[in-house]
C-alpha atoms as a PDB file:
ATOM      1  CA  MET A   1      15.569  -6.569  -4.183  1.00  0.00           C
ATOM      2  CA  MET A   2      15.579  -3.192  -2.474  1.00  0.00           C
ATOM      3  CA  PRO A   3      16.262  -0.132  -4.654  1.00  0.00           C
ATOM      4  CA  SER A   4      19.745   1.380  -4.406  1.00  0.00           C
ATOM      5  CA  ALA A   5      18.476   4.973  -4.262  1.00  0.00           C
ATOM      6  CA  VAL A   6      18.674   6.797  -0.933  1.00  0.00           C
ATOM      7  CA  PHE A   7      16.234   9.577  -0.046  1.00  0.00           C
ATOM      8  CA  PRO A   8      17.868  11.487   2.821  1.00  0.00           C
ATOM      9  CA  ASP A   9      14.646  13.315   3.731  1.00  0.00           C
ATOM     10  CA  LEU A  10      13.012   9.991   4.627  1.00  0.00           C
ATOM     11  CA  LYS A  11      15.423   9.320   7.477  1.00  0.00           C
ATOM     12  CA  ASN A  12      13.596   9.555  10.812  1.00  0.00           C
ATOM     13  CA  ARG A  13      10.320  10.259   8.978  1.00  0.00           C
ATOM     14  CA  SER A  14       7.271   8.775  10.721  1.00  0.00           C
ATOM     15  CA  VAL A  15       5.784   6.270   8.276  1.00  0.00           C
ATOM     16  CA  LEU A  16       2.645   4.154   8.634  1.00  0.00           C
ATOM     17  CA  ILE A  17       1.921   1.212   6.318  1.00  0.00           C
ATOM     18  CA  THR A  18      -1.280  -0.833   6.285  1.00  0.00           C
ATOM     19  CA  GLY A  19      -0.995  -4.502   5.437  1.00  0.00           C
ATOM     20  CA  GLY A  20       2.741  -4.216   5.976  1.00  0.00           C
ATOM     21  CA  GLY A  21       3.415  -7.732   7.213  1.00  0.00           C
ATOM     22  CA  SER A  22       3.502  -9.757   3.997  1.00  0.00           C
ATOM     23  CA  GLY A  23       3.660  -9.564   0.213  1.00  0.00           C
ATOM     24  CA  ILE A  24       4.060  -6.094  -1.255  1.00  0.00           C
ATOM     25  CA  GLY A  25       3.490  -4.617   2.197  1.00  0.00           C
ATOM     26  CA  ALA A  26       6.462  -6.433   3.709  1.00  0.00           C
ATOM     27  CA  ALA A  27       8.700  -5.148   0.901  1.00  0.00           C
ATOM     28  CA  LEU A  28       7.447  -1.607   1.551  1.00  0.00           C
ATOM     29  CA  THR A  29       8.093  -1.966   5.279  1.00  0.00           C
ATOM     30  CA  GLU A  30      11.646  -3.083   4.573  1.00  0.00           C
ATOM     31  CA  GLY A  31      12.151  -0.308   2.031  1.00  0.00           C
ATOM     32  CA  PHE A  32      11.309   2.440   4.511  1.00  0.00           C
ATOM     33  CA  VAL A  33      13.216   0.747   7.325  1.00  0.00           C
ATOM     34  CA  ALA A  34      16.279   0.648   5.056  1.00  0.00           C
ATOM     35  CA  GLN A  35      15.941   4.402   4.520  1.00  0.00           C
ATOM     36  CA  GLY A  36      16.170   4.952   8.284  1.00  0.00           C
ATOM     37  CA  ALA A  37      12.515   5.933   8.709  1.00  0.00           C
ATOM     38  CA  ARG A  38      10.549   5.304  11.874  1.00  0.00           C
ATOM     39  CA  VAL A  39       8.129   2.728  10.543  1.00  0.00           C
ATOM     40  CA  ALA A  40       4.909   1.426  12.028  1.00  0.00           C
ATOM     41  CA  PHE A  41       2.844  -1.141  10.185  1.00  0.00           C
ATOM     42  CA  ILE A  42      -0.611  -2.582  10.724  1.00  0.00           C
ATOM     43  CA  ASP A  43      -1.451  -6.174   9.870  1.00  0.00           C
ATOM     44  CA  ILE A  44      -3.866  -8.796  11.146  1.00  0.00           C
ATOM     45  CA  ALA A  45      -1.400 -11.705  10.722  1.00  0.00           C
ATOM     46  CA  GLU A  46       0.533 -11.610  13.971  1.00  0.00           C
ATOM     47  CA  ALA A  47       3.096 -14.404  13.586  1.00  0.00           C
ATOM     48  CA  ALA A  48       4.320 -13.347  10.144  1.00  0.00           C
ATOM     49  CA  SER A  49       4.420  -9.694  11.188  1.00  0.00           C
ATOM     50  CA  GLN A  50       6.466 -10.382  14.312  1.00  0.00           C
ATOM     51  CA  ASP A  51       8.876 -12.489  12.244  1.00  0.00           C
ATOM     52  CA  LEU A  52       9.254  -9.615   9.793  1.00  0.00           C
ATOM     53  CA  ALA A  53       9.900  -7.090  12.568  1.00  0.00           C
ATOM     54  CA  ASN A  54      12.550  -9.361  14.085  1.00  0.00           C
ATOM     55  CA  ALA A  55      14.233  -9.971  10.727  1.00  0.00           C
ATOM     56  CA  LEU A  56      14.395  -6.270   9.842  1.00  0.00           C
ATOM     57  CA  ASP A  57      15.683  -5.377  13.287  1.00  0.00           C
ATOM     58  CA  ASN A  58      18.489  -7.912  12.867  1.00  0.00           C
ATOM     59  CA  LYS A  59      19.281  -6.750   9.333  1.00  0.00           C
ATOM     60  CA  TYR A  60      19.111  -2.964   9.732  1.00  0.00           C
ATOM     61  CA  GLY A  61      19.134  -2.282  13.465  1.00  0.00           C
ATOM     62  CA  ASN A  62      15.924  -0.327  12.917  1.00  0.00           C
ATOM     63  CA  ARG A  63      12.944  -2.256  14.226  1.00  0.00           C
ATOM     64  CA  PRO A  64       9.542  -1.448  12.703  1.00  0.00           C
ATOM     65  CA  PHE A  65       6.685  -1.114  15.173  1.00  0.00           C
ATOM     66  CA  TYR A  66       4.049  -3.788  14.547  1.00  0.00           C
ATOM     67  CA  LEU A  67       0.393  -3.124  15.339  1.00  0.00           C
ATOM     68  CA  LYS A  68      -2.212  -5.872  15.120  1.00  0.00           C
ATOM     69  CA  ALA A  69      -5.610  -4.637  13.946  1.00  0.00           C
ATOM     70  CA  ASP A  70      -8.511  -5.682  11.767  1.00  0.00           C
ATOM     71  CA  LEU A  71      -8.857  -2.844   9.260  1.00  0.00           C
ATOM     72  CA  THR A  72     -12.549  -3.579   8.792  1.00  0.00           C
ATOM     73  CA  ASP A  73     -13.024  -2.428  12.410  1.00  0.00           C
ATOM     74  CA  ILE A  74     -12.703   1.350  12.085  1.00  0.00           C
ATOM     75  CA  GLU A  75     -12.415   1.941  15.834  1.00  0.00           C
ATOM     76  CA  ALA A  76      -9.582  -0.609  16.042  1.00  0.00           C
ATOM     77  CA  LEU A  77      -7.956   1.068  13.047  1.00  0.00           C
ATOM     78  CA  ARG A  78      -8.148   4.484  14.678  1.00  0.00           C
ATOM     79  CA  ASN A  79      -6.687   3.107  17.896  1.00  0.00           C
ATOM     80  CA  ALA A  80      -3.800   1.523  15.990  1.00  0.00           C
ATOM     81  CA  VAL A  81      -3.067   4.817  14.229  1.00  0.00           C
ATOM     82  CA  ALA A  82      -3.128   6.657  17.550  1.00  0.00           C
ATOM     83  CA  THR A  83      -0.691   4.130  19.009  1.00  0.00           C
ATOM     84  CA  ALA A  84       1.649   4.530  16.029  1.00  0.00           C
ATOM     85  CA  ILE A  85       1.577   8.301  16.482  1.00  0.00           C
ATOM     86  CA  SER A  86       2.333   8.017  20.194  1.00  0.00           C
ATOM     87  CA  LYS A  87       5.309   5.777  19.364  1.00  0.00           C
ATOM     88  CA  ASN A  88       6.815   7.521  16.328  1.00  0.00           C
ATOM     89  CA  GLY A  89       5.291  11.005  16.293  1.00  0.00           C
ATOM     90  CA  PRO A  90       2.823  12.464  13.774  1.00  0.00           C
ATOM     91  CA  VAL A  91       2.628  10.338  10.623  1.00  0.00           C
ATOM     92  CA  THR A  92       3.924  12.279   7.626  1.00  0.00           C
ATOM     93  CA  VAL A  93       3.968   9.326   5.210  1.00  0.00           C
ATOM     94  CA  LEU A  94       0.948   7.044   4.984  1.00  0.00           C
ATOM     95  CA  VAL A  95       0.975   4.029   2.679  1.00  0.00           C
ATOM     96  CA  ASN A  96      -2.490   2.498   2.255  1.00  0.00           C
ATOM     97  CA  ASN A  97      -1.440  -0.905   0.971  1.00  0.00           C
ATOM     98  CA  ALA A  98      -3.749  -3.477   2.580  1.00  0.00           C
ATOM     99  CA  ALA A  99      -5.992  -5.443   0.221  1.00  0.00           C
ATOM    100  CA  TRP A 100      -7.634  -8.827  -0.302  1.00  0.00           C
ATOM    101  CA  ASP A 101      -7.949 -10.080  -3.868  1.00  0.00           C
ATOM    102  CA  ASP A 102      -9.990 -13.267  -3.605  1.00  0.00           C
ATOM    103  CA  ARG A 103     -11.465 -14.281  -6.955  1.00  0.00           C
ATOM    104  CA  HIS A 104     -15.247 -14.271  -7.196  1.00  0.00           C
ATOM    105  CA  ASP A 105     -17.867 -14.509  -9.926  1.00  0.00           C
ATOM    106  CA  ILE A 106     -20.722 -12.064 -10.492  1.00  0.00           C
ATOM    107  CA  ASP A 107     -23.281 -14.854  -9.956  1.00  0.00           C
ATOM    108  CA  ASP A 108     -21.892 -15.699  -6.517  1.00  0.00           C
ATOM    109  CA  VAL A 109     -21.614 -12.244  -4.919  1.00  0.00           C
ATOM    110  CA  THR A 110     -24.022 -11.591  -2.046  1.00  0.00           C
ATOM    111  CA  GLU A 111     -24.719  -8.252  -0.348  1.00  0.00           C
ATOM    112  CA  ASN A 112     -22.656  -9.314   2.646  1.00  0.00           C
ATOM    113  CA  TYR A 113     -19.746 -10.371   0.455  1.00  0.00           C
ATOM    114  CA  TRP A 114     -19.847  -7.093  -1.458  1.00  0.00           C
ATOM    115  CA  ASP A 115     -19.893  -5.002   1.726  1.00  0.00           C
ATOM    116  CA  GLY A 116     -17.111  -7.071   3.292  1.00  0.00           C
ATOM    117  CA  ASN A 117     -14.955  -6.712   0.198  1.00  0.00           C
ATOM    118  CA  GLN A 118     -15.297  -2.927   0.183  1.00  0.00           C
ATOM    119  CA  ALA A 119     -14.629  -2.892   3.924  1.00  0.00           C
ATOM    120  CA  ILE A 120     -11.209  -4.392   3.257  1.00  0.00           C
ATOM    121  CA  ASN A 121     -10.261  -2.945  -0.119  1.00  0.00           C
ATOM    122  CA  LEU A 122     -11.594   0.631  -0.077  1.00  0.00           C
ATOM    123  CA  ARG A 123     -12.999   1.882   3.207  1.00  0.00           C
ATOM    124  CA  PRO A 124      -9.751   1.710   5.268  1.00  0.00           C
ATOM    125  CA  HIS A 125      -7.957   3.916   2.734  1.00  0.00           C
ATOM    126  CA  PHE A 126     -10.234   6.795   3.645  1.00  0.00           C
ATOM    127  CA  PHE A 127     -10.393   6.300   7.388  1.00  0.00           C
ATOM    128  CA  THR A 128      -6.649   5.780   7.800  1.00  0.00           C
ATOM    129  CA  ALA A 129      -6.043   8.983   5.847  1.00  0.00           C
ATOM    130  CA  GLN A 130      -8.597  10.779   7.999  1.00  0.00           C
ATOM    131  CA  ALA A 131      -6.813   9.583  11.136  1.00  0.00           C
ATOM    132  CA  VAL A 132      -3.376  10.938  10.123  1.00  0.00           C
ATOM    133  CA  VAL A 133      -4.355  14.221   8.482  1.00  0.00           C
ATOM    134  CA  SER A 134      -4.332  16.257  11.694  1.00  0.00           C
ATOM    135  CA  GLY A 135      -0.717  15.300  12.388  1.00  0.00           C
ATOM    136  CA  MET A 136       0.303  16.058   8.808  1.00  0.00           C
ATOM    137  CA  ARG A 137      -1.223  19.506   9.127  1.00  0.00           C
ATOM    138  CA  THR A 138       0.710  20.114  12.331  1.00  0.00           C
ATOM    139  CA  ALA A 139       3.918  18.905  10.675  1.00  0.00           C
ATOM    140  CA  GLY A 140       3.401  21.259   7.731  1.00  0.00           C
ATOM    141  CA  GLY A 141       2.595  18.614   5.148  1.00  0.00           C
ATOM    142  CA  GLY A 142       2.827  14.959   4.233  1.00  0.00           C
ATOM    143  CA  SER A 143       2.393  12.276   1.611  1.00  0.00           C
ATOM    144  CA  ILE A 144      -0.423   9.750   1.311  1.00  0.00           C
ATOM    145  CA  ILE A 145       0.151   6.856  -1.097  1.00  0.00           C
ATOM    146  CA  ASN A 146      -2.827   4.664  -1.978  1.00  0.00           C
ATOM    147  CA  PHE A 147      -2.232   1.288  -3.578  1.00  0.00           C
ATOM    148  CA  THR A 148      -4.723   0.418  -6.288  1.00  0.00           C
ATOM    149  CA  SER A 149      -4.318  -2.117  -9.130  1.00  0.00           C
ATOM    150  CA  ILE A 150      -4.329  -2.306 -12.909  1.00  0.00           C
ATOM    151  CA  SER A 151      -6.986  -5.042 -12.644  1.00  0.00           C
ATOM    152  CA  PHE A 152      -9.833  -2.608 -13.311  1.00  0.00           C
ATOM    153  CA  MET A 153      -7.925  -1.009 -16.199  1.00  0.00           C
ATOM    154  CA  ILE A 154      -7.515  -4.281 -18.096  1.00  0.00           C
ATOM    155  CA  ASN A 155     -11.126  -5.471 -17.708  1.00  0.00           C
ATOM    156  CA  GLN A 156     -10.217  -8.364 -15.423  1.00  0.00           C
ATOM    157  CA  GLY A 157     -13.527 -10.139 -14.947  1.00  0.00           C
ATOM    158  CA  ASN A 158     -13.064 -12.631 -12.123  1.00  0.00           C
ATOM    159  CA  LEU A 159     -13.118 -10.254  -9.148  1.00  0.00           C
ATOM    160  CA  PRO A 160     -15.689  -7.475  -9.768  1.00  0.00           C
ATOM    161  CA  ALA A 161     -16.069  -6.275  -6.171  1.00  0.00           C
ATOM    162  CA  TYR A 162     -12.292  -5.935  -5.891  1.00  0.00           C
ATOM    163  CA  THR A 163     -11.924  -4.078  -9.181  1.00  0.00           C
ATOM    164  CA  ALA A 164     -14.733  -1.710  -8.176  1.00  0.00           C
ATOM    165  CA  ALA A 165     -12.857  -0.928  -4.959  1.00  0.00           C
ATOM    166  CA  LYS A 166      -9.587  -0.419  -6.813  1.00  0.00           C
ATOM    167  CA  ALA A 167     -11.238   1.997  -9.236  1.00  0.00           C
ATOM    168  CA  GLY A 168     -12.747   3.783  -6.249  1.00  0.00           C
ATOM    169  CA  ILE A 169      -9.272   4.291  -4.814  1.00  0.00           C
ATOM    170  CA  ILE A 170      -8.399   6.435  -7.851  1.00  0.00           C
ATOM    171  CA  GLY A 171     -11.420   8.647  -7.214  1.00  0.00           C
ATOM    172  CA  LEU A 172     -10.583   8.857  -3.518  1.00  0.00           C
ATOM    173  CA  THR A 173      -6.989   9.767  -4.335  1.00  0.00           C
ATOM    174  CA  LYS A 174      -7.997  12.630  -6.599  1.00  0.00           C
ATOM    175  CA  GLY A 175     -10.647  13.897  -4.201  1.00  0.00           C
ATOM    176  CA  LEU A 176      -8.283  13.906  -1.227  1.00  0.00           C
ATOM    177  CA  ALA A 177      -5.536  15.494  -3.312  1.00  0.00           C
ATOM    178  CA  GLY A 178      -7.823  18.367  -4.222  1.00  0.00           C
ATOM    179  CA  ARG A 179      -8.905  18.870  -0.613  1.00  0.00           C
ATOM    180  CA  LEU A 180      -5.504  18.505   1.056  1.00  0.00           C
ATOM    181  CA  GLY A 181      -3.181  20.065  -1.506  1.00  0.00           C
ATOM    182  CA  PRO A 182      -3.531  23.594  -0.051  1.00  0.00           C
ATOM    183  CA  GLU A 183      -2.234  22.146   3.224  1.00  0.00           C
ATOM    184  CA  LYS A 184       0.857  20.684   1.519  1.00  0.00           C
ATOM    185  CA  ILE A 185      -0.420  17.144   1.828  1.00  0.00           C
ATOM    186  CA  ARG A 186       0.123  15.221  -1.387  1.00  0.00           C
ATOM    187  CA  VAL A 187      -2.046  12.239  -2.318  1.00  0.00           C
ATOM    188  CA  ASN A 188      -1.058   9.823  -5.069  1.00  0.00           C
ATOM    189  CA  ALA A 189      -1.727   6.229  -6.076  1.00  0.00           C
ATOM    190  CA  ILE A 190       0.380   3.321  -7.261  1.00  0.00           C
ATOM    191  CA  ALA A 191      -1.205   0.736  -9.572  1.00  0.00           C
ATOM    192  CA  PRO A 192       0.813  -2.488  -9.641  1.00  0.00           C
ATOM    193  CA  GLY A 193       0.499  -5.098 -12.331  1.00  0.00           C
ATOM    194  CA  TRP A 194       0.578  -8.803 -11.491  1.00  0.00           C
ATOM    195  CA  VAL A 195       3.137  -8.943  -8.689  1.00  0.00           C
ATOM    196  CA  MET A 196       4.527 -12.364  -7.856  1.00  0.00           C
ATOM    197  CA  THR A 197       3.894 -12.502  -4.122  1.00  0.00           C
ATOM    198  CA  GLU A 198       3.805 -15.785  -2.242  1.00  0.00           C
ATOM    199  CA  ARG A 199       0.007 -15.520  -2.137  1.00  0.00           C
ATOM    200  CA  GLN A 200      -0.230 -15.166  -5.923  1.00  0.00           C
ATOM    201  CA  ARG A 201       2.108 -18.080  -6.542  1.00  0.00           C
ATOM    202  CA  THR A 202       0.213 -20.277  -4.088  1.00  0.00           C
ATOM    203  CA  HIS A 203      -3.301 -19.588  -5.337  1.00  0.00           C
ATOM    204  CA  TRP A 204      -3.340 -18.353  -8.925  1.00  0.00           C
ATOM    205  CA  VAL A 205      -0.019 -18.553 -10.780  1.00  0.00           C
ATOM    206  CA  THR A 206       0.366 -21.337 -13.319  1.00  0.00           C
ATOM    207  CA  GLU A 207       3.241 -21.782 -15.726  1.00  0.00           C
ATOM    208  CA  GLU A 208       0.952 -21.324 -18.719  1.00  0.00           C
ATOM    209  CA  GLY A 209      -0.855 -18.325 -17.255  1.00  0.00           C
ATOM    210  CA  LEU A 210       2.340 -16.547 -16.297  1.00  0.00           C
ATOM    211  CA  GLU A 211       3.914 -17.183 -19.698  1.00  0.00           C
ATOM    212  CA  ALA A 212       0.873 -15.715 -21.442  1.00  0.00           C
ATOM    213  CA  TYR A 213       0.866 -12.694 -19.145  1.00  0.00           C
ATOM    214  CA  MET A 214       4.587 -12.030 -19.702  1.00  0.00           C
ATOM    215  CA  LYS A 215       3.834 -11.674 -23.408  1.00  0.00           C
ATOM    216  CA  ARG A 216       1.554  -8.733 -22.555  1.00  0.00           C
ATOM    217  CA  GLN A 217       4.336  -6.834 -20.776  1.00  0.00           C
ATOM    218  CA  ALA A 218       6.754  -4.577 -22.645  1.00  0.00           C
ATOM    219  CA  ILE A 219       9.387  -5.702 -20.131  1.00  0.00           C
ATOM    220  CA  PRO A 220       8.853  -9.480 -20.125  1.00  0.00           C
ATOM    221  CA  GLU A 221      10.072 -10.129 -16.590  1.00  0.00           C
ATOM    222  CA  GLU A 222       8.228 -11.090 -13.427  1.00  0.00           C
ATOM    223  CA  LEU A 223       7.118  -8.183 -11.276  1.00  0.00           C
ATOM    224  CA  LEU A 224       8.313  -8.693  -7.700  1.00  0.00           C
ATOM    225  CA  PRO A 225       7.232  -7.020  -4.446  1.00  0.00           C
ATOM    226  CA  GLY A 226      10.514  -5.106  -4.315  1.00  0.00           C
ATOM    227  CA  ASP A 227       9.666  -3.455  -7.630  1.00  0.00           C
ATOM    228  CA  MET A 228       6.974  -1.445  -5.836  1.00  0.00           C
ATOM    229  CA  VAL A 229       9.394  -0.004  -3.280  1.00  0.00           C
ATOM    230  CA  GLY A 230      11.282   2.532  -5.406  1.00  0.00           C
ATOM    231  CA  PRO A 231       8.122   4.186  -6.783  1.00  0.00           C
ATOM    232  CA  CYS A 232       6.658   4.351  -3.275  1.00  0.00           C
ATOM    233  CA  LEU A 233       9.815   5.907  -1.780  1.00  0.00           C
ATOM    234  CA  PHE A 234       9.821   8.491  -4.562  1.00  0.00           C
ATOM    235  CA  LEU A 235       6.213   9.477  -3.902  1.00  0.00           C
ATOM    236  CA  ALA A 236       6.916   9.661  -0.157  1.00  0.00           C
ATOM    237  CA  SER A 237       9.977  11.858  -0.528  1.00  0.00           C
ATOM    238  CA  ASP A 238      10.411  15.537  -1.275  1.00  0.00           C
ATOM    239  CA  ALA A 239      11.719  14.500  -4.699  1.00  0.00           C
ATOM    240  CA  SER A 240       8.060  14.446  -5.751  1.00  0.00           C
ATOM    241  CA  ARG A 241       6.994  17.567  -3.847  1.00  0.00           C
ATOM    242  CA  MET A 242       4.837  18.958  -6.689  1.00  0.00           C
ATOM    243  CA  LEU A 243       3.358  15.626  -7.720  1.00  0.00           C
ATOM    244  CA  THR A 244      -0.173  14.970  -6.487  1.00  0.00           C
ATOM    245  CA  ALA A 245      -3.503  13.512  -7.669  1.00  0.00           C
ATOM    246  CA  GLN A 246      -1.587  11.101  -9.935  1.00  0.00           C
ATOM    247  CA  THR A 247      -1.586   7.355 -10.462  1.00  0.00           C
ATOM    248  CA  LEU A 248       1.789   5.767 -11.090  1.00  0.00           C
ATOM    249  CA  ILE A 249       1.318   2.518 -13.028  1.00  0.00           C
ATOM    250  CA  VAL A 250       4.035  -0.044 -12.299  1.00  0.00           C
ATOM    251  CA  ASP A 251       3.230  -3.038 -14.485  1.00  0.00           C
ATOM    252  CA  GLY A 252       6.160  -3.626 -16.808  1.00  0.00           C
ATOM    253  CA  GLY A 253       4.227  -1.955 -19.617  1.00  0.00           C
ATOM    254  CA  CYS A 254       1.266  -4.338 -19.674  1.00  0.00           C
ATOM    255  CA  LEU A 255      -0.686  -4.080 -22.922  1.00  0.00           C
END
């Protein structure tokens, strides 16, 4: 469900979302499209992304611009960002959402696996931000929103490379906020709890596991991708103009 709030300053804003073709990313793409923003999104899954672009065009009459790129390839990432800028103008809202949360055990992690995991879950956050900063400076400011996760906060033990990356995103967020704040570029993070995407339901959700997890939440309801949209719109908009270097935890009050 999309939030009912409207942020007038987001209309016609140039927005770039990584991993915007499915799961939380697809909800974010729709959320900004619904606000009337000029949205570009990067995703490696072409068929699903094209279907999403078509569906949102039919629903809102505001087609998001899909860019296929492998975010582990920094040159391809930079080219995709440049194409988005040429299409929609300088990016003033960047949402670093892309991630890959495969489960893995400490005994099974190789050097190549570790490096590949960081190349998906941490490295693109920095290089996508680097690629849009010049345009934000020219525009007089902007908002960068980095998606992390509560997984490293709750000592989740079955994906250590992923949780290390997600903790690193908090450090990156604070470091970039300190560097870019004087240029009116705000940098914040959103830490979702266990969001019931199709991927989660397919691979890891069981009735017993979900029931046990709900008991840990102060609000005992399933978190859905759309629940991440309102917080992200707020951080993108001028409503949060003096909010930077912060992490907004959206987890239903997980204990």
